């Protein structure tokens, strides 16, 4: 019973710490479906996801990518990448999908 309470508390605290702030979260419907993502890459409007991840590695980001979304921002597209470090820190990195350049990564 005590273990169950500990697990429940951990899940609750993790859930509260996880959400991105409103400024980081793309508006509902702004992110592309898998079909739209494939079409954007095929039309060369976006670099492949692997290239965006290579950009992160080149900037010293060694964390694991746990979520990747291709979203509309202004007139272009960006990859919104959620990263999990070995220490358990969750961060968000944004990569310009057209150029593959890192926009921000905290």
Foldseek 3Di string as FASTA:
>chain_A
DVVVVVVVVVVVVCVVPPDDDPVLDDPPPFWDDPVVVVVCCVVLLFPDPVLLVVQCVVVVNPFDFPDWTWGDDDPGIKIWTWGAHPVGDIWIWIAGGNPSHTPDTD
